[in-house]
Amino acid sequence: MSATYCMCEGMRQPRTARGSKNGCRASVQSYSGSVCISNRIDDDGTLKVQVGTNDGSSCYSDYNSHDFVGTFEEFKALLKLNKDIKDGKVSVVRHRAKK
C-alpha cells in the first residue's frame, strides 16, 4: 500500500490515487472557491498536512500561501478549537496586528 493516497467520490463510485512519502494533493473545487489539501510523511514518520484555499476554481492555494501547515495532530486540535469557539465553550479575544 502507498504511504499516502487520495480518494475522490462524486456522482460515480469512489476512486483512489496513490501517493508516496512525499505526499499527495487533493482539491475540492467550485467556481466560487476551492479547498486544497496535501499531506506528506517526514523522515521521522510524522504526518504533515497543508490546507489552503483559492477564491476560484483551482487546485492551488492563492499565491501559494497556505492557511494551515502543521502536523496531523495539530490540524485535529485546530478543528476542535474551531468547534469549541462556535459552541461558545471558548472565550475569544480580539487580536490586533502588530505594527
N, C-alpha and C. Protein backbone atom coordinates (compact mmCIF):
# COMPACT_ATOMS: atom_id res chain seq x y z
N MET A 1 0.84 -1.18 0.00
CA MET A 1 0.00 0.00 0.00
C MET A 1 0.88 1.24 0.00
N SER A 2 0.44 2.30 -0.66
CA SER A 2 1.18 3.55 -0.71
C SER A 2 1.23 4.21 0.66
N ALA A 3 2.28 5.00 0.88
CA ALA A 3 2.41 5.71 2.16
C ALA A 3 1.30 6.74 2.32
N THR A 4 0.88 7.37 1.23
CA THR A 4 -0.24 8.30 1.22
C THR A 4 -1.12 7.99 0.03
N TYR A 5 -2.38 8.35 0.11
CA TYR A 5 -3.26 8.19 -1.04
C TYR A 5 -4.43 9.15 -0.92
N CYS A 6 -5.08 9.41 -2.04
CA CYS A 6 -6.23 10.31 -2.09
C CYS A 6 -7.45 9.51 -2.53
N MET A 7 -8.61 9.94 -2.09
CA MET A 7 -9.85 9.32 -2.51
C MET A 7 -10.80 10.40 -2.96
N CYS A 8 -11.53 10.11 -4.01
CA CYS A 8 -12.50 11.06 -4.55
C CYS A 8 -13.82 10.34 -4.77
N GLU A 9 -14.90 10.99 -4.39
CA GLU A 9 -16.21 10.44 -4.65
C GLU A 9 -17.10 11.56 -5.16
N GLY A 10 -17.71 11.33 -6.30
CA GLY A 10 -18.62 12.30 -6.89
C GLY A 10 -19.91 11.59 -7.26
N MET A 11 -20.29 11.73 -8.53
CA MET A 11 -21.52 11.11 -8.99
C MET A 11 -21.34 9.61 -9.24
N ARG A 12 -20.10 9.16 -9.29
CA ARG A 12 -19.83 7.74 -9.52
C ARG A 12 -19.20 7.12 -8.27
N GLN A 13 -18.75 5.90 -8.39
CA GLN A 13 -18.16 5.21 -7.25
C GLN A 13 -16.85 5.89 -6.84
N PRO A 14 -16.46 5.72 -5.56
CA PRO A 14 -15.21 6.30 -5.09
C PRO A 14 -14.01 5.78 -5.88
N ARG A 15 -13.03 6.65 -6.07
CA ARG A 15 -11.78 6.31 -6.75
C ARG A 15 -10.62 6.70 -5.86
N THR A 16 -9.52 5.99 -5.95
CA THR A 16 -8.33 6.33 -5.17
C THR A 16 -7.17 6.62 -6.12
N ALA A 17 -6.23 7.41 -5.61
CA ALA A 17 -4.98 7.68 -6.33
C ALA A 17 -3.84 7.47 -5.34
N ARG A 18 -2.79 6.82 -5.79
CA ARG A 18 -1.66 6.54 -4.93
C ARG A 18 -0.76 7.77 -4.81
N GLY A 19 -0.16 7.92 -3.64
CA GLY A 19 0.84 8.95 -3.41
C GLY A 19 2.13 8.29 -3.02
N SER A 20 2.98 9.01 -2.33
CA SER A 20 4.25 8.47 -1.85
C SER A 20 4.54 9.10 -0.50
N LYS A 21 5.74 8.86 0.06
CA LYS A 21 6.11 9.54 1.30
C LYS A 21 6.11 11.04 1.10
N ASN A 22 6.38 11.48 -0.14
CA ASN A 22 6.38 12.91 -0.45
C ASN A 22 4.97 13.46 -0.52
N GLY A 23 3.97 12.60 -0.39
CA GLY A 23 2.59 13.02 -0.24
C GLY A 23 1.77 13.00 -1.50
N CYS A 24 0.58 13.55 -1.36
CA CYS A 24 -0.33 13.71 -2.47
C CYS A 24 -1.17 14.95 -2.20
N ARG A 25 -1.79 15.47 -3.24
CA ARG A 25 -2.59 16.69 -3.13
C ARG A 25 -3.97 16.43 -3.69
N ALA A 26 -4.96 17.01 -3.03
CA ALA A 26 -6.34 16.91 -3.50
C ALA A 26 -6.99 18.27 -3.34
N SER A 27 -8.00 18.52 -4.15
CA SER A 27 -8.74 19.77 -4.01
C SER A 27 -10.22 19.50 -4.26
N VAL A 28 -11.03 20.24 -3.56
CA VAL A 28 -12.47 20.20 -3.76
C VAL A 28 -12.82 21.58 -4.30
N GLN A 29 -13.36 21.62 -5.51
CA GLN A 29 -13.47 22.89 -6.21
C GLN A 29 -14.90 23.23 -6.63
N SER A 30 -15.14 24.54 -6.73
CA SER A 30 -16.34 25.07 -7.36
C SER A 30 -15.90 26.37 -8.03
N TYR A 31 -16.79 26.99 -8.80
CA TYR A 31 -16.44 28.25 -9.42
C TYR A 31 -16.29 29.35 -8.37
N SER A 32 -16.89 29.17 -7.20
CA SER A 32 -16.85 30.18 -6.14
C SER A 32 -15.68 30.03 -5.18
N GLY A 33 -15.01 28.91 -5.21
CA GLY A 33 -13.88 28.71 -4.32
C GLY A 33 -13.46 27.25 -4.25
N SER A 34 -12.22 27.06 -3.77
CA SER A 34 -11.65 25.72 -3.68
C SER A 34 -10.94 25.54 -2.34
N VAL A 35 -10.93 24.31 -1.87
CA VAL A 35 -10.15 23.93 -0.70
C VAL A 35 -9.09 22.96 -1.20
N CYS A 36 -7.83 23.28 -0.90
CA CYS A 36 -6.70 22.49 -1.40
C CYS A 36 -5.99 21.86 -0.20
N ILE A 37 -5.79 20.55 -0.25
CA ILE A 37 -5.19 19.83 0.87
C ILE A 37 -4.06 18.95 0.33
N SER A 38 -2.95 18.93 1.07
CA SER A 38 -1.89 17.99 0.73
C SER A 38 -1.33 17.41 2.02
N ASN A 39 -0.71 16.26 1.89
CA ASN A 39 -0.08 15.64 3.05
C ASN A 39 1.23 15.01 2.61
N ARG A 40 2.11 14.79 3.58
CA ARG A 40 3.38 14.10 3.33
C ARG A 40 3.86 13.51 4.64
N ILE A 41 4.78 12.60 4.55
CA ILE A 41 5.34 11.97 5.73
C ILE A 41 6.80 12.39 5.85
N ASP A 42 7.15 13.03 6.98
CA ASP A 42 8.52 13.46 7.22
C ASP A 42 9.43 12.26 7.44
N ASP A 43 10.74 12.53 7.45
CA ASP A 43 11.73 11.47 7.65
C ASP A 43 11.55 10.76 8.99
N ASP A 44 11.02 11.49 9.99
CA ASP A 44 10.81 10.87 11.31
C ASP A 44 9.47 10.15 11.41
N GLY A 45 8.72 10.08 10.29
CA GLY A 45 7.45 9.36 10.27
C GLY A 45 6.24 10.20 10.64
N THR A 46 6.44 11.50 10.87
CA THR A 46 5.34 12.39 11.24
C THR A 46 4.52 12.78 10.01
N LEU A 47 3.20 12.65 10.11
CA LEU A 47 2.31 13.05 9.03
C LEU A 47 2.10 14.56 9.09
N LYS A 48 2.46 15.27 8.02
CA LYS A 48 2.30 16.73 7.92
C LYS A 48 1.15 17.02 6.97
N VAL A 49 0.42 18.10 7.26
CA VAL A 49 -0.76 18.48 6.48
C VAL A 49 -0.64 19.94 6.07
N GLN A 50 -1.04 20.25 4.85
CA GLN A 50 -1.15 21.63 4.37
C GLN A 50 -2.57 21.81 3.86
N VAL A 51 -3.23 22.89 4.30
CA VAL A 51 -4.57 23.21 3.86
C VAL A 51 -4.57 24.66 3.39
N GLY A 52 -5.12 24.90 2.23
CA GLY A 52 -5.22 26.26 1.71
C GLY A 52 -6.52 26.44 0.96
N THR A 53 -6.78 27.67 0.57
CA THR A 53 -8.00 27.99 -0.16
C THR A 53 -7.66 28.80 -1.40
N ASN A 54 -8.58 28.81 -2.34
CA ASN A 54 -8.47 29.62 -3.54
C ASN A 54 -9.86 30.17 -3.82
N ASP A 55 -9.96 31.45 -4.14
CA ASP A 55 -11.26 32.07 -4.39
C ASP A 55 -11.87 31.65 -5.72
N GLY A 56 -11.12 30.98 -6.55
CA GLY A 56 -11.63 30.49 -7.83
C GLY A 56 -11.63 28.98 -7.88
N SER A 57 -11.65 28.46 -9.09
CA SER A 57 -11.64 27.02 -9.30
C SER A 57 -10.23 26.59 -9.63
N SER A 58 -9.46 26.24 -8.60
CA SER A 58 -8.06 25.86 -8.81
C SER A 58 -7.66 24.82 -7.78
N CYS A 59 -6.69 24.00 -8.12
CA CYS A 59 -6.18 23.02 -7.17
C CYS A 59 -4.99 23.58 -6.40
N TYR A 60 -4.67 24.86 -6.59
CA TYR A 60 -3.56 25.50 -5.90
C TYR A 60 -4.09 26.59 -4.97
N SER A 61 -3.47 26.73 -3.79
CA SER A 61 -3.85 27.78 -2.86
C SER A 61 -3.49 29.14 -3.45
N ASP A 62 -4.22 30.18 -3.07
CA ASP A 62 -3.93 31.53 -3.54
C ASP A 62 -2.50 31.92 -3.20
N TYR A 63 -1.76 32.35 -4.18
CA TYR A 63 -0.38 32.86 -4.01
C TYR A 63 0.50 31.89 -3.24
N ASN A 64 0.20 30.63 -3.32
CA ASN A 64 0.97 29.57 -2.66
C ASN A 64 1.11 29.82 -1.15
N SER A 65 0.18 30.57 -0.56
CA SER A 65 0.19 30.75 0.89
C SER A 65 -0.85 29.82 1.48
N HIS A 66 -0.43 29.01 2.40
CA HIS A 66 -1.32 28.01 2.98
C HIS A 66 -1.94 28.55 4.27
N ASP A 67 -3.21 28.27 4.47
CA ASP A 67 -3.90 28.70 5.67
C ASP A 67 -3.46 27.89 6.89
N PHE A 68 -3.03 26.67 6.66
CA PHE A 68 -2.54 25.83 7.75
C PHE A 68 -1.41 24.95 7.24
N VAL A 69 -0.33 24.88 8.01
CA VAL A 69 0.77 23.95 7.76
C VAL A 69 1.19 23.40 9.11
N GLY A 70 1.12 22.10 9.29
CA GLY A 70 1.50 21.51 10.57
C GLY A 70 1.28 20.02 10.58
N THR A 71 1.35 19.45 11.76
CA THR A 71 1.16 18.01 11.89
C THR A 71 -0.32 17.68 11.84
N PHE A 72 -0.61 16.43 11.63
CA PHE A 72 -2.00 15.96 11.60
C PHE A 72 -2.67 16.20 12.95
N GLU A 73 -1.93 15.96 14.04
CA GLU A 73 -2.48 16.18 15.38
C GLU A 73 -2.79 17.66 15.60
N GLU A 74 -1.93 18.56 15.13
CA GLU A 74 -2.18 20.00 15.26
C GLU A 74 -3.42 20.39 14.46
N PHE A 75 -3.60 19.79 13.30
CA PHE A 75 -4.77 20.09 12.48
C PHE A 75 -6.06 19.65 13.18
N LYS A 76 -6.03 18.45 13.77
CA LYS A 76 -7.21 17.98 14.51
C LYS A 76 -7.51 18.90 15.69
N ALA A 77 -6.46 19.38 16.38
CA ALA A 77 -6.66 20.29 17.51
C ALA A 77 -7.25 21.62 17.03
N LEU A 78 -6.83 22.10 15.86
CA LEU A 78 -7.37 23.34 15.30
C LEU A 78 -8.85 23.18 14.99
N LEU A 79 -9.24 22.06 14.42
CA LEU A 79 -10.66 21.82 14.14
C LEU A 79 -11.48 21.74 15.42
N LYS A 80 -10.92 21.11 16.45
CA LYS A 80 -11.62 21.04 17.74
C LYS A 80 -11.77 22.43 18.34
N LEU A 81 -10.73 23.26 18.27
CA LEU A 81 -10.80 24.62 18.78
C LEU A 81 -11.87 25.42 18.04
N ASN A 82 -11.93 25.27 16.74
CA ASN A 82 -12.96 25.96 15.94
C ASN A 82 -14.36 25.55 16.40
N LYS A 83 -14.56 24.27 16.62
CA LYS A 83 -15.87 23.78 17.08
C LYS A 83 -16.20 24.34 18.46
N ASP A 84 -15.19 24.36 19.36
CA ASP A 84 -15.41 24.90 20.70
C ASP A 84 -15.76 26.38 20.65
N ILE A 85 -15.15 27.14 19.76
CA ILE A 85 -15.47 28.56 19.60
C ILE A 85 -16.91 28.71 19.13
N LYS A 86 -17.29 27.93 18.11
CA LYS A 86 -18.67 28.01 17.60
C LYS A 86 -19.69 27.62 18.65
N ASP A 87 -19.36 26.64 19.49
CA ASP A 87 -20.27 26.17 20.52
C ASP A 87 -20.27 27.09 21.75
N GLY A 88 -19.41 28.11 21.76
CA GLY A 88 -19.33 29.04 22.89
C GLY A 88 -18.61 28.49 24.09
N LYS A 89 -17.85 27.42 23.91
CA LYS A 89 -17.12 26.81 25.03
C LYS A 89 -15.80 27.53 25.30
N VAL A 90 -15.35 28.37 24.37
CA VAL A 90 -14.07 29.05 24.48
C VAL A 90 -14.30 30.54 24.38
N SER A 91 -13.64 31.30 25.25
CA SER A 91 -13.71 32.76 25.18
C SER A 91 -12.77 33.24 24.08
N VAL A 92 -13.26 34.12 23.24
CA VAL A 92 -12.45 34.62 22.12
C VAL A 92 -12.06 36.06 22.41
N VAL A 93 -10.77 36.35 22.28
CA VAL A 93 -10.25 37.70 22.49
C VAL A 93 -9.85 38.25 21.13
N ARG A 94 -10.26 39.48 20.85
CA ARG A 94 -9.91 40.11 19.57
C ARG A 94 -8.43 40.48 19.61
N HIS A 95 -7.71 40.08 18.57
CA HIS A 95 -6.28 40.38 18.47
C HIS A 95 -6.08 41.46 17.42
N ARG A 96 -5.09 42.28 17.64
CA ARG A 96 -4.73 43.32 16.68
C ARG A 96 -3.39 43.00 16.07
N ALA A 97 -3.22 43.38 14.82
CA ALA A 97 -1.95 43.15 14.14
C ALA A 97 -0.88 44.05 14.74
N LYS A 98 0.32 43.53 14.92
CA LYS A 98 1.43 44.33 15.43
C LYS A 98 1.90 45.28 14.37
N LYS A 99 2.28 46.47 14.78
CA LYS A 99 2.79 47.47 13.82
C LYS A 99 4.28 47.59 13.91
